[in-house]
Amino acid sequence: MLRHLEFSQLWEPVIKPMSVGALPLGIFFALVFYFVTRWATFTFREQRRKRLAERARRKAGRQAFDARTATSS
């Protein structure tokens, strides 16, 4: 059946309305997923920053402790 149809015959009655109708949904979901991804990235970076700061604080405390014990021996 579609072998004898040309693209121009399908464009106006079928493809054009589907494309126009899909644009609002596509834009809506693109924005939703953009902001969800942005929030997830921000949350991950914030947790990583806190984790690295805690690790650096513990390392600095351990080095200070090692320096005090080395000088008192």
PDB file of N, CA and C in Angstrom:
ATOM      1  N   MET A   1       0.820  -1.190   0.000  1.00  0.00           N
ATOM      2  CA  MET A   1       0.000   0.000   0.000  1.00  0.00           C
ATOM      3  C   MET A   1       0.873   1.267   0.000  1.00  0.00           C
ATOM      4  N   LEU A   2       1.906   1.316   0.829  1.00  0.00           N
ATOM      5  CA  LEU A   2       2.751   2.505   0.897  1.00  0.00           C
ATOM      6  C   LEU A   2       3.759   2.575  -0.241  1.00  0.00           C
ATOM      7  N   ARG A   3       3.858   1.537  -1.017  1.00  0.00           N
ATOM      8  CA  ARG A   3       4.813   1.563  -2.127  1.00  0.00           C
ATOM      9  C   ARG A   3       4.434   2.601  -3.179  1.00  0.00           C
ATOM     10  N   HIS A   4       3.169   2.857  -3.301  1.00  0.00           N
ATOM     11  CA  HIS A   4       2.707   3.762  -4.346  1.00  0.00           C
ATOM     12  C   HIS A   4       2.504   5.189  -3.839  1.00  0.00           C
ATOM     13  N   LEU A   5       2.639   5.386  -2.542  1.00  0.00           N
ATOM     14  CA  LEU A   5       2.484   6.732  -1.990  1.00  0.00           C
ATOM     15  C   LEU A   5       3.815   7.458  -1.989  1.00  0.00           C
ATOM     16  N   GLU A   6       3.748   8.730  -2.172  1.00  0.00           N
ATOM     17  CA  GLU A   6       4.946   9.547  -2.075  1.00  0.00           C
ATOM     18  C   GLU A   6       4.953  10.257  -0.723  1.00  0.00           C
ATOM     19  N   PHE A   7       6.118  10.710  -0.339  1.00  0.00           N
ATOM     20  CA  PHE A   7       6.262  11.395   0.945  1.00  0.00           C
ATOM     21  C   PHE A   7       5.356  12.617   1.023  1.00  0.00           C
ATOM     22  N   SER A   8       5.225  13.336  -0.055  1.00  0.00           N
ATOM     23  CA  SER A   8       4.397  14.545  -0.056  1.00  0.00           C
ATOM     24  C   SER A   8       2.929  14.223   0.199  1.00  0.00           C
ATOM     25  N   GLN A   9       2.493  13.033  -0.189  1.00  0.00           N
ATOM     26  CA  GLN A   9       1.112  12.636   0.068  1.00  0.00           C
ATOM     27  C   GLN A   9       0.887  12.322   1.544  1.00  0.00           C
ATOM     28  N   LEU A  10       1.907  11.876   2.222  1.00  0.00           N
ATOM     29  CA  LEU A  10       1.792  11.570   3.651  1.00  0.00           C
ATOM     30  C   LEU A  10       2.065  12.785   4.526  1.00  0.00           C
ATOM     31  N   TRP A  11       2.813  13.748   4.008  1.00  0.00           N
ATOM     32  CA  TRP A  11       3.241  14.882   4.821  1.00  0.00           C
ATOM     33  C   TRP A  11       2.058  15.667   5.379  1.00  0.00           C
ATOM     34  N   GLU A  12       1.185  16.130   4.543  1.00  0.00           N
ATOM     35  CA  GLU A  12       0.099  17.012   4.977  1.00  0.00           C
ATOM     36  C   GLU A  12      -0.907  16.313   5.897  1.00  0.00           C
ATOM     37  N   PRO A  13      -1.434  15.159   5.562  1.00  0.00           N
ATOM     38  CA  PRO A  13      -2.469  14.585   6.431  1.00  0.00           C
ATOM     39  C   PRO A  13      -1.940  13.848   7.660  1.00  0.00           C
ATOM     40  N   VAL A  14      -0.708  13.353   7.633  1.00  0.00           N
ATOM     41  CA  VAL A  14      -0.249  12.489   8.726  1.00  0.00           C
ATOM     42  C   VAL A  14       0.971  13.050   9.452  1.00  0.00           C
ATOM     43  N   ILE A  15       2.047  13.248   8.744  1.00  0.00           N
ATOM     44  CA  ILE A  15       3.331  13.557   9.383  1.00  0.00           C
ATOM     45  C   ILE A  15       3.367  14.976   9.958  1.00  0.00           C
ATOM     46  N   LYS A  16       2.849  15.945   9.242  1.00  0.00           N
ATOM     47  CA  LYS A  16       2.876  17.328   9.723  1.00  0.00           C
ATOM     48  C   LYS A  16       2.090  17.491  11.028  1.00  0.00           C
ATOM     49  N   PRO A  17       0.848  17.002  11.128  1.00  0.00           N
ATOM     50  CA  PRO A  17       0.132  17.134  12.407  1.00  0.00           C
ATOM     51  C   PRO A  17       0.802  16.382  13.556  1.00  0.00           C
ATOM     52  N   MET A  18       1.377  15.217  13.247  1.00  0.00           N
ATOM     53  CA  MET A  18       2.067  14.465  14.300  1.00  0.00           C
ATOM     54  C   MET A  18       3.293  15.227  14.786  1.00  0.00           C
ATOM     55  N   SER A  19       4.014  15.833  13.870  1.00  0.00           N
ATOM     56  CA  SER A  19       5.211  16.593  14.247  1.00  0.00           C
ATOM     57  C   SER A  19       4.849  17.815  15.075  1.00  0.00           C
ATOM     58  N   VAL A  20       3.844  18.535  14.649  1.00  0.00           N
ATOM     59  CA  VAL A  20       3.429  19.739  15.376  1.00  0.00           C
ATOM     60  C   VAL A  20       2.874  19.363  16.741  1.00  0.00           C
ATOM     61  N   GLY A  21       2.121  18.286  16.820  1.00  0.00           N
ATOM     62  CA  GLY A  21       1.560  17.843  18.096  1.00  0.00           C
ATOM     63  C   GLY A  21       2.610  17.328  19.054  1.00  0.00           C
ATOM     64  N   ALA A  22       3.697  16.798  18.523  1.00  0.00           N
ATOM     65  CA  ALA A  22       4.749  16.245  19.374  1.00  0.00           C
ATOM     66  C   ALA A  22       5.667  17.325  19.942  1.00  0.00           C
ATOM     67  N   LEU A  23       5.706  18.489  19.337  1.00  0.00           N
ATOM     68  CA  LEU A  23       6.599  19.552  19.806  1.00  0.00           C
ATOM     69  C   LEU A  23       6.334  19.983  21.245  1.00  0.00           C
ATOM     70  N   PRO A  24       5.099  20.280  21.631  1.00  0.00           N
ATOM     71  CA  PRO A  24       4.886  20.688  23.029  1.00  0.00           C
ATOM     72  C   PRO A  24       5.279  19.600  24.028  1.00  0.00           C
ATOM     73  N   LEU A  25       4.940  18.359  23.718  1.00  0.00           N
ATOM     74  CA  LEU A  25       5.329  17.264  24.612  1.00  0.00           C
ATOM     75  C   LEU A  25       6.844  17.114  24.679  1.00  0.00           C
ATOM     76  N   GLY A  26       7.489  17.211  23.535  1.00  0.00           N
ATOM     77  CA  GLY A  26       8.938  17.094  23.498  1.00  0.00           C
ATOM     78  C   GLY A  26       9.623  18.195  24.284  1.00  0.00           C
ATOM     79  N   ILE A  27       9.161  19.411  24.120  1.00  0.00           N
ATOM     80  CA  ILE A  27       9.743  20.543  24.857  1.00  0.00           C
ATOM     81  C   ILE A  27       9.499  20.391  26.351  1.00  0.00           C
ATOM     82  N   PHE A  28       8.291  19.996  26.717  1.00  0.00           N
ATOM     83  CA  PHE A  28       7.959  19.813  28.132  1.00  0.00           C
ATOM     84  C   PHE A  28       8.874  18.780  28.784  1.00  0.00           C
ATOM     85  N   PHE A  29       8.983  17.599  28.177  1.00  0.00           N
ATOM     86  CA  PHE A  29       9.794  16.547  28.782  1.00  0.00           C
ATOM     87  C   PHE A  29      11.285  16.863  28.720  1.00  0.00           C
ATOM     88  N   ALA A  30      11.715  17.580  27.700  1.00  0.00           N
ATOM     89  CA  ALA A  30      13.117  18.000  27.649  1.00  0.00           C
ATOM     90  C   ALA A  30      13.432  18.913  28.828  1.00  0.00           C
ATOM     91  N   LEU A  31      12.542  19.848  29.120  1.00  0.00           N
ATOM     92  CA  LEU A  31      12.758  20.751  30.253  1.00  0.00           C
ATOM     93  C   LEU A  31      12.708  20.007  31.584  1.00  0.00           C
ATOM     94  N   VAL A  32      11.762  19.090  31.723  1.00  0.00           N
ATOM     95  CA  VAL A  32      11.662  18.308  32.962  1.00  0.00           C
ATOM     96  C   VAL A  32      12.953  17.542  33.202  1.00  0.00           C
ATOM     97  N   PHE A  33      13.414  16.805  32.205  1.00  0.00           N
ATOM     98  CA  PHE A  33      14.616  16.005  32.396  1.00  0.00           C
ATOM     99  C   PHE A  33      15.869  16.862  32.516  1.00  0.00           C
ATOM    100  N   TYR A  34      15.889  18.020  31.892  1.00  0.00           N
ATOM    101  CA  TYR A  34      17.020  18.928  32.051  1.00  0.00           C
ATOM    102  C   TYR A  34      17.154  19.349  33.513  1.00  0.00           C
ATOM    103  N   PHE A  35      16.039  19.780  34.110  1.00  0.00           N
ATOM    104  CA  PHE A  35      16.111  20.261  35.484  1.00  0.00           C
ATOM    105  C   PHE A  35      16.321  19.125  36.482  1.00  0.00           C
ATOM    106  N   VAL A  36      15.796  17.943  36.207  1.00  0.00           N
ATOM    107  CA  VAL A  36      16.060  16.789  37.077  1.00  0.00           C
ATOM    108  C   VAL A  36      17.543  16.438  37.026  1.00  0.00           C
ATOM    109  N   THR A  37      18.111  16.424  35.830  1.00  0.00           N
ATOM    110  CA  THR A  37      19.536  16.119  35.683  1.00  0.00           C
ATOM    111  C   THR A  37      20.393  17.197  36.323  1.00  0.00           C
ATOM    112  N   ARG A  38      20.006  18.448  36.166  1.00  0.00           N
ATOM    113  CA  ARG A  38      20.754  19.555  36.775  1.00  0.00           C
ATOM    114  C   ARG A  38      20.742  19.442  38.298  1.00  0.00           C
ATOM    115  N   TRP A  39      19.574  19.131  38.871  1.00  0.00           N
ATOM    116  CA  TRP A  39      19.454  18.965  40.321  1.00  0.00           C
ATOM    117  C   TRP A  39      20.310  17.785  40.794  1.00  0.00           C
ATOM    118  N   ALA A  40      20.260  16.663  40.073  1.00  0.00           N
ATOM    119  CA  ALA A  40      21.037  15.486  40.461  1.00  0.00           C
ATOM    120  C   ALA A  40      22.535  15.778  40.396  1.00  0.00           C
ATOM    121  N   THR A  41      22.962  16.488  39.379  1.00  0.00           N
ATOM    122  CA  THR A  41      24.375  16.845  39.249  1.00  0.00           C
ATOM    123  C   THR A  41      24.809  17.765  40.383  1.00  0.00           C
ATOM    124  N   PHE A  42      24.001  18.756  40.697  1.00  0.00           N
ATOM    125  CA  PHE A  42      24.319  19.672  41.787  1.00  0.00           C
ATOM    126  C   PHE A  42      24.415  18.917  43.112  1.00  0.00           C
ATOM    127  N   THR A  43      23.469  18.026  43.367  1.00  0.00           N
ATOM    128  CA  THR A  43      23.466  17.249  44.606  1.00  0.00           C
ATOM    129  C   THR A  43      24.702  16.368  44.696  1.00  0.00           C
ATOM    130  N   PHE A  44      25.044  15.699  43.604  1.00  0.00           N
ATOM    131  CA  PHE A  44      26.227  14.843  43.592  1.00  0.00           C
ATOM    132  C   PHE A  44      27.489  15.659  43.860  1.00  0.00           C
ATOM    133  N   ARG A  45      27.630  16.791  43.200  1.00  0.00           N
ATOM    134  CA  ARG A  45      28.826  17.620  43.390  1.00  0.00           C
ATOM    135  C   ARG A  45      28.932  18.132  44.825  1.00  0.00           C
ATOM    136  N   GLU A  46      27.802  18.517  45.394  1.00  0.00           N
ATOM    137  CA  GLU A  46      27.800  19.025  46.771  1.00  0.00           C
ATOM    138  C   GLU A  46      28.214  17.924  47.748  1.00  0.00           C
ATOM    139  N   GLN A  47      27.686  16.728  47.577  1.00  0.00           N
ATOM    140  CA  GLN A  47      28.058  15.612  48.448  1.00  0.00           C
ATOM    141  C   GLN A  47      29.529  15.250  48.268  1.00  0.00           C
ATOM    142  N   ARG A  48      30.003  15.279  47.035  1.00  0.00           N
ATOM    143  CA  ARG A  48      31.411  14.969  46.775  1.00  0.00           C
ATOM    144  C   ARG A  48      32.319  16.014  47.413  1.00  0.00           C
ATOM    145  N   ARG A  49      31.935  17.292  47.296  1.00  0.00           N
ATOM    146  CA  ARG A  49      32.731  18.362  47.902  1.00  0.00           C
ATOM    147  C   ARG A  49      32.819  18.179  49.411  1.00  0.00           C
ATOM    148  N   LYS A  50      31.701  17.839  50.047  1.00  0.00           N
ATOM    149  CA  LYS A  50      31.698  17.614  51.494  1.00  0.00           C
ATOM    150  C   LYS A  50      32.553  16.406  51.863  1.00  0.00           C
ATOM    151  N   ARG A  51      32.446  15.347  51.075  1.00  0.00           N
ATOM    152  CA  ARG A  51      33.227  14.139  51.339  1.00  0.00           C
ATOM    153  C   ARG A  51      34.725  14.418  51.216  1.00  0.00           C
ATOM    154  N   LEU A  52      35.121  15.160  50.187  1.00  0.00           N
ATOM    155  CA  LEU A  52      36.539  15.488  50.006  1.00  0.00           C
ATOM    156  C   LEU A  52      37.040  16.419  51.105  1.00  0.00           C
ATOM    157  N   ALA A  53      36.216  17.368  51.528  1.00  0.00           N
ATOM    158  CA  ALA A  53      36.612  18.273  52.611  1.00  0.00           C
ATOM    159  C   ALA A  53      36.792  17.491  53.909  1.00  0.00           C
ATOM    160  N   GLU A  54      35.903  16.557  54.179  1.00  0.00           N
ATOM    161  CA  GLU A  54      36.028  15.731  55.387  1.00  0.00           C
ATOM    162  C   GLU A  54      37.291  14.878  55.329  1.00  0.00           C
ATOM    163  N   ARG A  55      37.574  14.312  54.176  1.00  0.00           N
ATOM    164  CA  ARG A  55      38.783  13.502  54.018  1.00  0.00           C
ATOM    165  C   ARG A  55      40.035  14.354  54.221  1.00  0.00           C
ATOM    166  N   ALA A  56      40.049  15.578  53.683  1.00  0.00           N
ATOM    167  CA  ALA A  56      41.199  16.474  53.846  1.00  0.00           C
ATOM    168  C   ALA A  56      41.353  16.881  55.308  1.00  0.00           C
ATOM    169  N   ARG A  57      40.226  17.121  55.995  1.00  0.00           N
ATOM    170  CA  ARG A  57      40.284  17.494  57.406  1.00  0.00           C
ATOM    171  C   ARG A  57      40.862  16.350  58.238  1.00  0.00           C
ATOM    172  N   ARG A  58      40.412  15.117  57.963  1.00  0.00           N
ATOM    173  CA  ARG A  58      40.946  13.975  58.712  1.00  0.00           C
ATOM    174  C   ARG A  58      42.429  13.760  58.419  1.00  0.00           C
ATOM    175  N   LYS A  59      42.823  13.964  57.161  1.00  0.00           N
ATOM    176  CA  LYS A  59      44.225  13.781  56.799  1.00  0.00           C
ATOM    177  C   LYS A  59      45.098  14.833  57.487  1.00  0.00           C
ATOM    178  N   ALA A  60      44.629  16.076  57.533  1.00  0.00           N
ATOM    179  CA  ALA A  60      45.386  17.145  58.194  1.00  0.00           C
ATOM    180  C   ALA A  60      45.501  16.864  59.690  1.00  0.00           C
ATOM    181  N   GLY A  61      44.433  16.382  60.299  1.00  0.00           N
ATOM    182  CA  GLY A  61      44.475  16.041  61.724  1.00  0.00           C
ATOM    183  C   GLY A  61      45.430  14.895  61.997  1.00  0.00           C
ATOM    184  N   ARG A  62      45.432  13.909  61.122  1.00  0.00           N
ATOM    185  CA  ARG A  62      46.326  12.768  61.281  1.00  0.00           C
ATOM    186  C   ARG A  62      47.780  13.199  61.121  1.00  0.00           C
ATOM    187  N   GLN A  63      48.061  14.092  60.160  1.00  0.00           N
ATOM    188  CA  GLN A  63      49.432  14.571  59.967  1.00  0.00           C
ATOM    189  C   GLN A  63      49.890  15.395  61.167  1.00  0.00           C
ATOM    190  N   ALA A  64      49.000  16.194  61.729  1.00  0.00           N
ATOM    191  CA  ALA A  64      49.352  16.983  62.912  1.00  0.00           C
ATOM    192  C   ALA A  64      49.637  16.056  64.090  1.00  0.00           C
ATOM    193  N   PHE A  65      48.838  15.000  64.229  1.00  0.00           N
ATOM    194  CA  PHE A  65      49.052  14.037  65.305  1.00  0.00           C
ATOM    195  C   PHE A  65      50.389  13.324  65.121  1.00  0.00           C
ATOM    196  N   ASP A  66      50.696  12.924  63.881  1.00  0.00           N
ATOM    197  CA  ASP A  66      51.972  12.263  63.605  1.00  0.00           C
ATOM    198  C   ASP A  66      53.147  13.192  63.894  1.00  0.00           C
ATOM    199  N   ALA A  67      53.009  14.474  63.579  1.00  0.00           N
ATOM    200  CA  ALA A  67      54.086  15.438  63.824  1.00  0.00           C
ATOM    201  C   ALA A  67      54.299  15.631  65.323  1.00  0.00           C
ATOM    202  N   ARG A  68      53.215  15.671  66.102  1.00  0.00           N
ATOM    203  CA  ARG A  68      53.339  15.834  67.555  1.00  0.00           C
ATOM    204  C   ARG A  68      53.973  14.602  68.189  1.00  0.00           C
ATOM    205  N   THR A  69      53.596  13.427  67.740  1.00  0.00           N
ATOM    206  CA  THR A  69      54.157  12.208  68.340  1.00  0.00           C
ATOM    207  C   THR A  69      55.609  12.019  67.934  1.00  0.00           C
ATOM    208  N   ALA A  70      55.993  12.488  66.748  1.00  0.00           N
ATOM    209  CA  ALA A  70      57.379  12.351  66.311  1.00  0.00           C
ATOM    210  C   ALA A  70      58.291  13.288  67.098  1.00  0.00           C
ATOM    211  N   THR A  71      57.812  14.472  67.453  1.00  0.00           N
ATOM    212  CA  THR A  71      58.652  15.419  68.186  1.00  0.00           C
ATOM    213  C   THR A  71      58.710  15.082  69.672  1.00  0.00           C
ATOM    214  N   SER A  72      57.700  14.414  70.198  1.00  0.00           N
ATOM    215  CA  SER A  72      57.707  14.092  71.624  1.00  0.00           C
ATOM    216  C   SER A  72      58.507  12.824  71.917  1.00  0.00           C
ATOM    217  N   SER A  73      58.855  12.064  70.911  1.00  0.00           N
ATOM    218  CA  SER A  73      59.617  10.829  71.151  1.00  0.00           C
ATOM    219  C   SER A  73      61.064  11.051  71.404  1.00  0.00           C
TER     220      SER A  73
END
